[in-house]
């Protein structure tokens, strides 16, 4: 996925057209970036095998492995 140096994962995901990248446990509702400052935890992803990373706080970098979650805390 393309990104601009210094851009967060959340910004890169939104720029690529993805507004939701995980779902809630209690009903499968879509979640993506909401607050953009690391407070709400709606944008959780797994980065290089470490879960629970807030996409709005993690800077995108080449070669990182990012996975999203369905019905979990990513």
Protein backbone atom coordinates (compact mmCIF):
# COMPACT_ATOMS: atom_id res chain seq x y z
CA UNK A 1 0.00 0.00 0.00
CA UNK A 2 1.46 3.39 -0.88
CA UNK A 3 2.07 5.95 1.85
CA UNK A 4 3.74 9.31 2.35
CA UNK A 5 6.78 9.37 4.69
CA UNK A 6 5.60 10.36 8.17
CA UNK A 7 2.04 9.22 7.49
CA UNK A 8 0.28 7.00 10.03
CA UNK A 9 -1.14 3.61 9.10
CA UNK A 10 -4.66 4.97 9.62
CA UNK A 11 -4.03 7.86 7.23
CA UNK A 12 -2.53 5.51 4.63
CA UNK A 13 -5.49 3.12 4.94
CA UNK A 14 -8.03 5.93 4.55
CA UNK A 15 -6.08 7.39 1.61
CA UNK A 16 -6.23 3.98 -0.08
CA UNK A 17 -10.02 3.90 0.30
CA UNK A 18 -10.37 1.73 3.42
CA UNK A 19 -12.49 3.43 6.05
CA UNK A 20 -13.04 0.32 8.20
CA UNK A 21 -10.55 -2.48 8.87
CA UNK A 22 -11.87 -4.43 11.84
CA UNK A 23 -15.22 -5.44 13.27
CA UNK A 24 -16.60 -5.58 16.79
CA UNK A 25 -17.06 -8.79 18.73
CA UNK A 26 -20.61 -8.02 19.78
CA UNK A 27 -22.20 -7.68 16.39
CA UNK A 28 -19.63 -7.43 13.65
CA UNK A 29 -19.95 -3.67 13.32
CA UNK A 30 -17.20 -2.05 11.22
CA UNK A 31 -14.50 0.02 12.88
CA UNK A 32 -11.69 2.18 11.54
CA UNK A 33 -10.20 5.49 12.58
CA UNK A 34 -12.51 7.59 14.76
CA UNK A 35 -10.62 10.03 16.98
CA UNK A 36 -7.25 9.95 15.19
CA UNK A 37 -5.32 10.67 18.41
CA UNK A 38 -5.10 7.26 20.11
CA UNK A 39 -7.90 7.69 22.62
CA UNK A 40 -10.77 5.57 21.27
CA UNK A 41 -8.92 2.37 20.22
CA UNK A 42 -11.28 1.85 17.25
CA UNK A 43 -8.37 1.63 14.78
CA UNK A 44 -6.58 -1.41 16.25
CA UNK A 45 -4.38 -3.50 13.96
CA UNK A 46 -1.65 -6.10 14.35
CA UNK A 47 1.77 -4.82 13.27
CA UNK A 48 4.61 -7.28 12.72
CA UNK A 49 2.88 -9.83 14.96
CA UNK A 50 2.11 -7.44 17.81
CA UNK A 51 -1.63 -6.96 18.31
CA UNK A 52 -3.52 -4.03 19.76
CA UNK A 53 -1.57 -1.37 17.89
CA UNK A 54 -3.43 1.88 17.23
CA UNK A 55 -3.17 2.59 13.50
CA UNK A 56 -3.57 6.31 14.14
CA UNK A 57 -0.33 6.37 16.17
CA UNK A 58 1.91 3.97 14.22
CA UNK A 59 3.90 5.49 11.37
CA UNK A 60 3.74 3.57 8.11
CA UNK A 61 7.03 2.13 6.93
CA UNK A 62 8.10 -0.08 4.05
CA UNK A 63 7.98 -3.82 4.68
CA UNK A 64 5.77 -3.83 7.75
CA UNK A 65 3.27 -6.67 8.07
CA UNK A 66 -0.13 -5.28 9.04
CA UNK A 67 -3.20 -7.42 9.61
CA UNK A 68 -6.67 -6.44 10.65
CA UNK A 69 -9.22 -8.20 12.80
CA UNK A 70 -12.73 -9.48 12.50
CA UNK A 71 -14.62 -9.75 15.75
CA UNK A 72 -11.55 -9.20 17.88
CA UNK A 73 -9.16 -6.58 19.14
CA UNK A 74 -6.89 -6.98 16.10
